[in-house]
N, C-alpha and C. Protein backbone atom coordinates (compact mmCIF):
# COMPACT_ATOMS: atom_id res chain seq x y z
N MET A 1 -17.16 57.52 37.15
CA MET A 1 -17.71 56.78 38.01
C MET A 1 -17.32 57.33 39.61
N THR A 2 -18.21 56.97 40.38
CA THR A 2 -18.11 57.60 41.25
C THR A 2 -17.55 56.60 42.46
N ARG A 3 -16.56 56.88 42.82
CA ARG A 3 -15.89 56.26 43.93
C ARG A 3 -16.23 56.49 45.69
N PHE A 4 -16.43 55.09 46.43
CA PHE A 4 -16.67 55.45 47.84
C PHE A 4 -15.72 54.59 48.17
N ASP A 5 -15.11 55.03 49.69
CA ASP A 5 -14.08 54.30 50.52
C ASP A 5 -15.20 53.32 51.25
N GLU A 6 -14.56 52.42 52.28
CA GLU A 6 -14.97 51.76 53.09
C GLU A 6 -15.63 52.72 54.20
N LYS A 7 -14.80 53.38 54.32
CA LYS A 7 -15.00 54.15 55.62
C LYS A 7 -16.82 54.91 55.84
N PHE A 8 -16.53 55.47 54.59
CA PHE A 8 -17.83 56.52 53.95
C PHE A 8 -18.92 55.47 53.99
N VAL A 9 -19.01 54.49 53.48
CA VAL A 9 -20.17 53.35 53.43
C VAL A 9 -20.26 52.87 54.52
N HIS A 10 -19.61 52.91 55.42
CA HIS A 10 -19.82 52.61 57.08
C HIS A 10 -20.59 53.51 57.47
N LEU A 11 -20.28 54.93 57.20
CA LEU A 11 -21.00 55.87 57.85
C LEU A 11 -22.45 55.87 57.33
N CYS A 12 -22.29 55.77 56.11
CA CYS A 12 -23.95 55.56 55.97
C CYS A 12 -24.54 54.50 56.25
N ILE A 13 -23.94 53.16 56.48
CA ILE A 13 -24.70 52.32 57.11
C ILE A 13 -24.98 52.50 58.42
N GLY A 14 -24.01 53.59 58.89
CA GLY A 14 -24.50 53.72 60.75
C GLY A 14 -25.64 54.79 60.56
N GLY A 15 -26.15 55.30 59.49
CA GLY A 15 -27.22 56.43 59.70
C GLY A 15 -27.07 57.90 59.83
N ASP A 16 -25.85 57.94 59.20
CA ASP A 16 -24.73 59.56 59.25
C ASP A 16 -25.51 60.06 58.43
N LYS A 17 -26.33 61.30 58.61
CA LYS A 17 -27.44 61.67 57.89
C LYS A 17 -26.63 62.46 56.75
N LYS A 18 -25.26 63.33 57.03
CA LYS A 18 -24.13 64.04 56.26
C LYS A 18 -23.70 63.24 55.15
N ALA A 19 -23.27 61.99 55.66
CA ALA A 19 -22.89 61.10 54.66
C ALA A 19 -23.71 60.60 53.47
N GLN A 20 -25.29 60.21 54.17
CA GLN A 20 -25.90 59.89 53.46
C GLN A 20 -26.66 60.91 52.54
N LYS A 21 -26.66 62.65 52.80
CA LYS A 21 -26.80 63.50 51.98
C LYS A 21 -25.81 63.52 51.10
N GLN A 22 -24.35 63.33 51.21
CA GLN A 22 -23.43 63.24 50.79
C GLN A 22 -23.25 62.06 49.51
N LEU A 23 -23.66 61.22 49.79
CA LEU A 23 -23.96 59.85 49.23
C LEU A 23 -25.29 60.30 47.75
N PHE A 24 -26.12 60.72 48.24
CA PHE A 24 -26.85 61.34 47.43
C PHE A 24 -27.01 62.25 46.37
N GLU A 25 -26.14 63.33 46.79
CA GLU A 25 -25.80 64.15 45.86
C GLU A 25 -24.78 63.78 45.07
N ARG A 26 -23.77 62.57 45.49
CA ARG A 26 -22.81 62.05 44.18
C ARG A 26 -23.12 61.40 43.35
N VAL A 27 -24.46 60.55 43.81
CA VAL A 27 -25.07 59.62 42.66
C VAL A 27 -26.00 59.80 42.14
N TYR A 28 -26.83 61.14 42.35
CA TYR A 28 -28.12 61.54 41.72
C TYR A 28 -28.00 61.63 40.37
N PRO A 29 -26.99 62.23 39.81
CA PRO A 29 -26.83 62.76 38.32
C PRO A 29 -26.81 61.20 37.56
N PRO A 30 -25.93 60.50 38.17
CA PRO A 30 -26.10 58.87 37.00
C PRO A 30 -27.37 58.27 37.05
N MET A 31 -27.58 58.49 38.47
CA MET A 31 -28.90 57.34 38.73
C MET A 31 -30.14 58.34 38.11
N PHE A 32 -30.33 59.35 37.92
CA PHE A 32 -31.48 59.88 37.27
C PHE A 32 -31.31 59.60 35.73
N ARG A 33 -29.97 59.66 35.42
CA ARG A 33 -29.94 59.35 34.18
C ARG A 33 -30.51 58.09 33.62
N ILE A 34 -30.06 57.01 34.40
CA ILE A 34 -30.54 55.62 34.34
C ILE A 34 -32.03 55.30 34.64
N CYS A 35 -32.89 56.15 35.01
CA CYS A 35 -34.08 56.37 35.24
C CYS A 35 -34.62 56.75 34.19
N MET A 36 -34.26 58.12 33.51
CA MET A 36 -34.55 58.56 32.18
C MET A 36 -34.50 57.46 30.93
N ARG A 37 -33.62 56.70 31.09
CA ARG A 37 -33.68 55.87 29.92
C ARG A 37 -34.65 54.95 30.09
N TYR A 38 -35.03 54.60 31.11
CA TYR A 38 -36.32 53.64 31.04
C TYR A 38 -38.03 54.15 30.99
N VAL A 39 -37.96 55.07 31.97
CA VAL A 39 -39.36 55.63 31.96
C VAL A 39 -39.49 57.21 31.12
N SER A 40 -38.78 57.71 30.87
CA SER A 40 -38.68 58.49 29.81
C SER A 40 -39.41 60.15 30.15
N GLN A 41 -40.09 60.09 31.30
CA GLN A 41 -40.73 61.27 31.55
C GLN A 41 -40.19 61.51 32.99
N HIS A 42 -39.82 62.94 32.82
CA HIS A 42 -38.78 63.78 33.99
C HIS A 42 -39.44 63.14 35.31
N ALA A 43 -40.88 63.55 35.44
CA ALA A 43 -41.23 63.18 36.99
C ALA A 43 -41.22 61.81 37.37
N ASP A 44 -41.52 61.01 36.63
CA ASP A 44 -41.49 59.34 36.84
C ASP A 44 -40.18 59.34 36.99
N ALA A 45 -39.01 59.54 36.36
CA ALA A 45 -38.01 59.57 36.51
C ALA A 45 -37.54 59.88 38.47
N GLU A 46 -37.94 61.24 38.27
CA GLU A 46 -37.73 61.22 39.94
C GLU A 46 -38.34 60.62 40.82
N ASP A 47 -39.84 60.26 40.93
CA ASP A 47 -40.23 59.27 41.46
C ASP A 47 -39.61 57.97 41.65
N CYS A 48 -39.12 57.27 40.48
CA CYS A 48 -38.35 56.47 40.48
C CYS A 48 -37.19 56.42 41.48
N LEU A 49 -36.14 57.36 41.30
CA LEU A 49 -35.35 57.74 42.11
C LEU A 49 -35.58 57.91 43.37
N MET A 50 -36.18 58.55 43.58
CA MET A 50 -36.63 59.06 45.28
C MET A 50 -37.08 57.35 46.00
N LEU A 51 -38.04 56.73 45.41
CA LEU A 51 -38.32 55.30 45.87
C LEU A 51 -36.88 54.70 45.77
N GLY A 52 -36.54 54.47 44.95
CA GLY A 52 -34.93 53.70 44.93
C GLY A 52 -34.48 54.25 46.21
N PHE A 53 -34.11 55.61 46.34
CA PHE A 53 -33.10 55.69 47.35
C PHE A 53 -33.80 55.73 48.79
N MET A 54 -34.93 55.85 48.93
CA MET A 54 -35.80 55.22 50.40
C MET A 54 -35.31 53.87 50.68
N LYS A 55 -35.46 52.99 49.64
CA LYS A 55 -35.23 51.52 49.64
C LYS A 55 -33.89 51.47 49.87
N VAL A 56 -32.58 52.37 49.34
CA VAL A 56 -31.32 52.15 49.51
C VAL A 56 -31.22 52.34 50.97
N PHE A 57 -31.84 53.56 51.73
CA PHE A 57 -31.77 53.96 53.16
C PHE A 57 -31.93 53.09 53.78
N GLN A 58 -33.14 52.46 53.33
CA GLN A 58 -33.62 51.37 54.63
C GLN A 58 -33.04 49.91 54.55
N ASN A 59 -32.36 49.92 53.69
CA ASN A 59 -31.84 48.73 53.35
C ASN A 59 -29.58 48.80 53.27
N ILE A 60 -29.69 49.75 53.82
CA ILE A 60 -28.03 49.69 53.60
C ILE A 60 -27.26 49.20 54.30
N SER A 61 -27.88 49.15 55.41
CA SER A 61 -27.27 47.97 56.54
C SER A 61 -27.17 46.82 56.18
N LYS A 62 -28.01 46.00 55.02
CA LYS A 62 -27.46 44.82 54.16
C LYS A 62 -26.38 44.83 53.13
N PHE A 63 -26.14 46.38 52.72
CA PHE A 63 -25.25 45.79 51.71
C PHE A 63 -23.76 45.74 52.23
N ASN A 64 -22.91 45.03 51.21
CA ASN A 64 -22.23 44.70 51.71
C ASN A 64 -20.68 44.99 51.00
N TYR A 65 -20.02 45.85 51.46
CA TYR A 65 -18.97 46.60 50.49
C TYR A 65 -17.73 45.58 50.12
N THR A 66 -17.68 45.56 48.99
CA THR A 66 -16.58 44.41 48.46
C THR A 66 -15.64 45.26 47.47
N GLY A 67 -15.97 46.61 47.29
CA GLY A 67 -14.75 47.87 46.36
C GLY A 67 -15.06 48.94 45.83
N ASP A 68 -14.25 49.53 45.38
CA ASP A 68 -14.49 50.89 45.33
C ASP A 68 -16.20 50.94 44.30
N HIS A 69 -16.74 50.37 43.53
CA HIS A 69 -18.02 50.57 42.60
C HIS A 69 -18.89 49.91 43.35
N SER A 70 -18.90 48.95 44.20
CA SER A 70 -19.71 48.10 44.60
C SER A 70 -20.93 48.90 45.20
N LEU A 71 -20.79 49.83 45.59
CA LEU A 71 -22.20 50.46 46.64
C LEU A 71 -22.78 51.42 45.37
N PHE A 72 -21.83 51.74 44.27
CA PHE A 72 -22.68 52.34 42.60
C PHE A 72 -23.59 51.18 42.19
N ILE A 73 -23.17 50.55 42.29
CA ILE A 73 -23.79 49.05 41.48
C ILE A 73 -24.62 48.64 42.41
N TRP A 74 -24.98 48.66 43.16
CA TRP A 74 -25.83 48.38 44.21
C TRP A 74 -26.90 49.33 44.11
N ILE A 75 -26.78 50.39 44.16
CA ILE A 75 -28.08 51.33 43.94
C ILE A 75 -28.21 51.24 42.45
N ARG A 76 -27.41 51.07 41.84
CA ARG A 76 -27.85 51.18 40.32
C ARG A 76 -29.01 50.09 40.12
N LYS A 77 -28.75 49.05 40.58
CA LYS A 77 -29.81 47.87 40.50
C LYS A 77 -30.94 47.99 41.37
N ILE A 78 -30.90 48.61 42.20
CA ILE A 78 -31.92 49.16 42.78
C ILE A 78 -33.03 49.98 42.39
N VAL A 79 -32.64 50.87 41.42
CA VAL A 79 -32.92 52.38 40.53
C VAL A 79 -33.62 51.36 39.28
N VAL A 80 -32.86 50.50 38.73
CA VAL A 80 -33.34 49.90 37.61
C VAL A 80 -34.88 49.26 38.00
N ASN A 81 -34.40 48.33 39.28
CA ASN A 81 -35.86 47.77 39.18
C ASN A 81 -36.87 48.80 39.80
N GLU A 82 -36.64 49.77 40.41
CA GLU A 82 -37.89 50.72 40.59
C GLU A 82 -38.19 50.97 39.10
N SER A 83 -37.30 51.74 38.40
CA SER A 83 -37.68 52.00 36.88
C SER A 83 -38.71 50.99 36.10
N LEU A 84 -38.34 49.72 36.51
CA LEU A 84 -38.95 48.46 35.72
C LEU A 84 -40.40 48.33 36.39
N MET A 85 -40.60 48.37 37.78
CA MET A 85 -41.63 48.39 38.42
C MET A 85 -42.49 49.68 38.24
N LEU A 86 -42.02 50.47 38.00
CA LEU A 86 -42.79 52.09 37.61
C LEU A 86 -43.53 51.38 36.17
N ILE A 87 -42.78 50.82 35.18
CA ILE A 87 -43.60 50.54 33.65
C ILE A 87 -44.19 49.55 34.26
N ARG A 88 -44.01 48.69 34.92
CA ARG A 88 -45.03 47.34 34.81
C ARG A 88 -46.19 48.10 35.53
N GLN A 89 -46.22 49.22 36.70
CA GLN A 89 -47.50 49.54 37.42
C GLN A 89 -48.34 50.99 36.27
N LYS A 90 -47.62 50.85 35.58
CA LYS A 90 -48.21 51.94 34.34
C LYS A 90 -48.65 51.05 33.15
N GLN A 91 -48.48 49.82 33.25
CA GLN A 91 -49.04 49.01 32.05
C GLN A 91 -48.28 48.75 30.84
N ASN A 92 -46.92 49.79 30.59
CA ASN A 92 -46.56 50.25 29.36
C ASN A 92 -45.46 49.29 28.85
N LEU A 93 -45.32 48.18 29.47
CA LEU A 93 -44.34 47.47 29.01
C LEU A 93 -45.04 46.13 28.05
N MET A 94 -44.86 46.77 26.75
CA MET A 94 -45.35 46.07 25.54
C MET A 94 -44.18 44.68 25.14
N PHE A 95 -44.55 43.59 24.47
CA PHE A 95 -43.71 42.88 24.21
C PHE A 95 -44.19 42.57 23.01
N VAL A 96 -43.39 42.39 22.00
CA VAL A 96 -44.25 41.76 20.33
C VAL A 96 -43.58 40.07 20.75
N VAL A 97 -44.16 39.13 20.86
CA VAL A 97 -43.92 38.01 21.11
C VAL A 97 -43.62 37.17 19.44
N ASP A 98 -42.58 36.50 19.18
CA ASP A 98 -41.89 36.16 18.03
C ASP A 98 -40.87 35.08 18.57
N ASP A 99 -41.35 33.80 17.74
CA ASP A 99 -40.30 32.46 17.77
C ASP A 99 -38.82 32.88 17.20
N GLN A 100 -38.93 33.62 16.65
CA GLN A 100 -37.93 33.45 15.80
C GLN A 100 -36.53 34.70 16.76
N SER A 101 -35.64 33.84 16.74
CA SER A 101 -34.54 34.63 17.37
C SER A 101 -33.38 35.13 16.29
N MET A 102 -33.33 36.65 16.99
CA MET A 102 -32.53 37.11 15.82
C MET A 102 -31.43 37.71 16.45
N ASP A 103 -30.20 37.80 15.81
CA ASP A 103 -29.32 38.47 16.65
C ASP A 103 -29.00 39.57 15.52
N VAL A 104 -29.08 40.62 15.98
CA VAL A 104 -28.89 41.74 14.74
C VAL A 104 -27.48 42.54 15.07
N PRO A 105 -26.54 42.54 15.06
CA PRO A 105 -25.46 43.27 15.68
C PRO A 105 -25.67 44.62 15.20
N MET A 106 -25.12 45.82 16.02
CA MET A 106 -24.97 47.41 15.61
C MET A 106 -23.57 47.44 14.95
N GLN A 107 -23.61 47.68 13.99
CA GLN A 107 -22.32 47.99 13.31
C GLN A 107 -21.78 49.64 13.92
N ALA A 108 -20.65 49.31 14.44
CA ALA A 108 -19.55 50.40 14.76
C ALA A 108 -19.63 51.58 14.37
N GLU A 109 -19.73 51.77 12.54
CA GLU A 109 -19.66 52.47 11.82
C GLU A 109 -20.82 53.62 12.22
N ILE A 110 -22.07 52.67 12.37
CA ILE A 110 -23.44 53.55 12.81
C ILE A 110 -23.26 54.45 14.04
N ILE A 111 -22.92 53.77 15.00
CA ILE A 111 -22.69 53.92 16.24
C ILE A 111 -21.71 55.32 16.29
N ASN A 112 -20.39 54.94 15.80
CA ASN A 112 -19.68 56.26 15.36
C ASN A 112 -19.98 57.24 14.93
N ALA A 113 -21.07 57.27 14.17
CA ALA A 113 -21.58 58.42 13.09
C ALA A 113 -22.47 59.21 13.84
N ILE A 114 -22.83 58.98 15.36
CA ILE A 114 -23.97 59.92 16.08
C ILE A 114 -22.97 60.34 17.33
N GLU A 115 -23.74 61.23 17.75
CA GLU A 115 -23.17 61.60 19.20
C GLU A 115 -23.77 60.77 20.10
N ALA A 116 -23.46 60.77 21.27
CA ALA A 116 -24.13 59.74 22.30
C ALA A 116 -25.79 60.60 22.86
N GLU A 117 -25.53 61.80 22.59
CA GLU A 117 -26.85 62.30 23.04
C GLU A 117 -27.80 62.34 21.80
N GLU A 118 -27.55 62.24 20.68
CA GLU A 118 -28.41 61.80 19.74
C GLU A 118 -28.94 60.46 19.85
N LEU A 119 -28.02 59.61 20.29
CA LEU A 119 -28.31 58.11 19.99
C LEU A 119 -29.17 57.79 21.06
N ASN A 120 -29.05 58.39 22.23
CA ASN A 120 -29.86 58.38 23.64
C ASN A 120 -31.41 58.82 22.99
N TYR A 121 -31.41 60.12 22.60
CA TYR A 121 -32.99 60.54 21.65
C TYR A 121 -33.49 59.40 20.96
N HIS A 122 -32.90 58.76 20.47
CA HIS A 122 -33.16 57.61 19.46
C HIS A 122 -33.69 56.62 20.07
N ILE A 123 -32.92 56.20 21.43
CA ILE A 123 -33.56 54.94 22.25
C ILE A 123 -34.38 55.17 22.77
N MET A 124 -34.75 56.60 23.10
CA MET A 124 -36.23 57.01 23.92
C MET A 124 -37.09 56.90 22.87
N LYS A 125 -37.22 56.98 21.56
CA LYS A 125 -38.42 56.82 20.80
C LYS A 125 -38.68 55.46 20.56
N LEU A 126 -37.77 54.51 20.85
CA LEU A 126 -38.27 53.06 20.92
C LEU A 126 -39.44 52.65 21.56
N PRO A 127 -40.39 51.71 21.19
CA PRO A 127 -41.23 51.43 21.88
C PRO A 127 -40.68 50.92 23.39
N THR A 128 -41.50 51.00 24.55
CA THR A 128 -41.34 50.62 26.03
C THR A 128 -40.43 49.32 25.94
N GLY A 129 -40.99 48.49 25.51
CA GLY A 129 -40.30 47.15 25.53
C GLY A 129 -39.25 46.95 24.80
N TYR A 130 -39.10 47.35 23.45
CA TYR A 130 -37.44 47.51 23.01
C TYR A 130 -36.77 48.30 23.83
N ARG A 131 -37.12 49.49 24.18
CA ARG A 131 -36.42 50.19 24.86
C ARG A 131 -35.58 49.54 26.16
N THR A 132 -36.86 49.06 27.05
CA THR A 132 -36.23 48.58 28.26
C THR A 132 -35.29 47.12 28.01
N VAL A 133 -35.67 46.05 26.87
CA VAL A 133 -34.70 45.42 26.75
C VAL A 133 -33.24 45.86 26.43
N PHE A 134 -33.22 46.96 25.28
CA PHE A 134 -32.12 47.26 24.78
C PHE A 134 -30.90 47.63 26.12
N ASN A 135 -31.88 48.82 27.08
CA ASN A 135 -31.17 49.37 28.01
C ASN A 135 -30.46 47.89 28.97
N LEU A 136 -31.40 47.20 29.14
CA LEU A 136 -31.16 46.20 29.96
C LEU A 136 -29.69 45.25 29.57
N ASN A 137 -29.77 45.16 28.46
CA ASN A 137 -28.63 44.39 28.01
C ASN A 137 -27.60 45.01 27.53
N VAL A 138 -28.01 45.81 26.80
CA VAL A 138 -26.67 46.97 26.00
C VAL A 138 -26.22 48.04 26.97
N ILE A 139 -27.11 48.56 27.83
CA ILE A 139 -26.50 49.60 28.42
C ILE A 139 -26.00 49.08 30.16
N GLU A 140 -26.68 48.29 30.58
CA GLU A 140 -26.55 47.55 32.09
C GLU A 140 -25.80 46.26 31.75
N GLY A 141 -25.71 45.67 30.89
CA GLY A 141 -24.93 44.52 30.88
C GLY A 141 -25.97 43.31 31.22
N TYR A 142 -26.82 43.09 31.37
CA TYR A 142 -27.62 42.00 31.82
C TYR A 142 -27.94 40.95 30.67
N ASP A 143 -27.53 39.53 30.80
CA ASP A 143 -27.87 38.90 29.51
C ASP A 143 -29.63 38.33 29.37
N HIS A 144 -29.56 37.74 28.55
CA HIS A 144 -30.86 37.37 28.11
C HIS A 144 -31.62 36.30 29.46
N LYS A 145 -31.07 35.93 30.18
CA LYS A 145 -31.65 34.97 31.09
C LYS A 145 -32.14 35.78 32.41
N GLU A 146 -31.19 36.87 32.91
CA GLU A 146 -31.18 37.63 33.50
C GLU A 146 -32.64 38.67 33.39
N ILE A 147 -32.55 39.05 32.18
CA ILE A 147 -33.85 39.94 31.61
C ILE A 147 -34.95 39.12 31.73
N ALA A 148 -34.85 37.97 31.25
CA ALA A 148 -36.39 36.95 31.23
C ALA A 148 -36.95 37.11 32.66
N SER A 149 -36.08 36.64 33.59
CA SER A 149 -36.43 36.44 34.71
C SER A 149 -37.08 38.07 35.77
N LEU A 150 -36.18 39.43 34.89
CA LEU A 150 -36.63 40.40 35.58
C LEU A 150 -37.96 40.77 35.04
N LEU A 151 -38.45 40.82 34.02
CA LEU A 151 -39.31 41.12 33.31
C LEU A 151 -40.49 39.84 33.18
N ASN A 152 -40.24 39.01 33.20
CA ASN A 152 -40.97 37.84 33.50
C ASN A 152 -41.24 37.39 32.13
N ILE A 153 -40.41 36.93 31.27
CA ILE A 153 -40.85 37.19 29.64
C ILE A 153 -39.83 36.05 29.58
N SER A 154 -40.01 34.88 27.96
CA SER A 154 -39.23 34.17 27.84
C SER A 154 -37.56 34.85 27.42
N GLU A 155 -36.68 34.05 27.50
CA GLU A 155 -35.27 34.29 26.93
C GLU A 155 -35.82 34.73 25.44
N VAL A 156 -36.39 34.18 24.84
CA VAL A 156 -36.69 34.38 22.95
C VAL A 156 -37.19 35.31 23.03
N THR A 157 -37.98 35.77 24.07
CA THR A 157 -38.77 37.11 23.86
C THR A 157 -37.82 38.29 23.82
N SER A 158 -37.07 38.09 24.99
CA SER A 158 -35.78 39.09 25.24
C SER A 158 -35.15 39.23 23.81
N ARG A 159 -34.13 38.20 23.34
CA ARG A 159 -33.30 38.15 21.83
C ARG A 159 -34.32 39.09 21.34
N THR A 160 -35.76 38.57 21.05
CA THR A 160 -36.33 39.27 19.83
C THR A 160 -36.54 40.51 19.97
N GLN A 161 -36.80 41.08 21.35
CA GLN A 161 -37.03 42.53 21.99
C GLN A 161 -35.77 43.40 21.35
N LEU A 162 -34.66 42.56 21.67
CA LEU A 162 -33.62 43.31 21.61
C LEU A 162 -33.26 43.55 20.27
N ALA A 163 -33.53 42.30 19.17
CA ALA A 163 -33.33 42.58 17.88
C ALA A 163 -33.97 43.50 17.19
N LYS A 164 -35.08 43.77 17.54
CA LYS A 164 -36.14 44.67 17.06
C LYS A 164 -35.64 45.99 17.22
N ALA A 165 -34.91 45.83 18.45
CA ALA A 165 -34.66 47.42 18.80
C ALA A 165 -33.42 48.20 18.33
N LYS A 166 -32.57 47.11 17.94
CA LYS A 166 -31.46 47.23 17.47
C LYS A 166 -31.61 47.60 15.33
N SER A 167 -32.99 46.82 15.27
CA SER A 167 -33.04 46.81 13.57
C SER A 167 -33.82 48.41 13.70
N LYS A 168 -34.72 48.71 14.54
CA LYS A 168 -34.97 50.12 14.38
C LYS A 168 -34.20 51.18 14.52
N LEU A 169 -33.56 50.89 15.98
CA LEU A 169 -32.16 52.35 15.67
C LEU A 169 -31.42 51.94 14.35
N ARG A 170 -31.34 51.36 13.88
CA ARG A 170 -30.48 51.19 12.47
C ARG A 170 -30.85 52.13 11.59
N VAL A 171 -32.70 51.78 11.41
CA VAL A 171 -33.37 52.58 10.70
C VAL A 171 -33.40 54.26 11.07
N MET A 172 -33.55 54.39 12.30
CA MET A 172 -33.66 55.71 12.66
C MET A 172 -32.09 56.63 12.75
N ILE A 173 -31.39 55.67 12.95
CA ILE A 173 -30.18 56.35 12.71
C ILE A 173 -29.72 56.51 11.12
N SER A 174 -30.02 55.17 10.48
CA SER A 174 -29.42 55.74 9.04
C SER A 174 -30.26 57.08 8.16
N GLN A 175 -31.28 57.16 8.90
CA GLN A 175 -32.31 58.12 8.21
C GLN A 175 -31.58 59.60 8.70
N THR A 176 -31.27 59.52 9.88
CA THR A 176 -30.67 60.76 10.64
C THR A 176 -29.80 61.04 10.11
N THR A 177 -28.74 59.90 9.73
CA THR A 177 -27.57 60.67 9.14
C THR A 177 -27.64 61.08 7.62
N LYS A 178 -28.52 60.44 6.96
CA LYS A 178 -28.82 60.59 5.36
C LYS A 178 -29.43 62.10 5.42
N SER A 179 -30.54 62.59 6.24
CA SER A 179 -30.81 63.69 6.43
C SER A 179 -29.83 64.75 6.65
N TYR A 180 -28.53 64.59 7.30
CA TYR A 180 -27.77 65.19 7.40
C TYR A 180 -26.58 65.52 6.69
N GLY A 181 -26.63 64.14 5.63
CA GLY A 181 -25.37 64.13 4.66
C GLY A 181 -24.29 63.19 4.87
N GLU A 182 -23.81 62.41 4.33
CA GLU A 182 -22.61 61.92 5.05
C GLU A 182 -21.31 62.84 4.93
N PRO A 183 -20.69 62.10 6.12
CA PRO A 183 -19.38 63.16 6.25
C PRO A 183 -18.54 63.21 4.85
N GLY A 184 -18.40 64.30 4.65
CA GLY A 184 -17.29 64.64 3.35
C GLY A 184 -18.25 64.97 2.07
N GLU A 185 -19.26 64.86 2.29
CA GLU A 185 -20.28 65.19 1.17
C GLU A 185 -20.48 66.85 0.92
């Protein structure tokens, strides 16, 4: 996680181009990965990131420094919102509406059985609606009320999409681990 001190933040707020460039370079890799989790196409992720940073530098004077990671978190929210806006613009955000609320836990042994890169590969294979809700809830830590507000859906739809995403991931991961063979076989 990238740390910033208050002096550095104030330099960015003051329009110091060198500090802004340094900020961009320091947070580019994690922010790009966040964009890729949502939009999956490299060019779209670049677009989201650039639009996000335009907003960051246009609005940085409104930023209120509250600690080591607050700037990173503020930028992350902007980048996530830009990614969601691109998905909406492309009308790729399709949800399966289901009134049944399911809570499907991801078993730790399934997650531990695969590498992070492989898990990300499976997440990217999910339908856009499943992937978006999964990322917002599991990766970013948003609750269903926040997700519903961000995506203009009901909380039930958010829960259902998450449950279906977890279920689909469980199937994809178990198929992968079966094709590789269980450890010790």
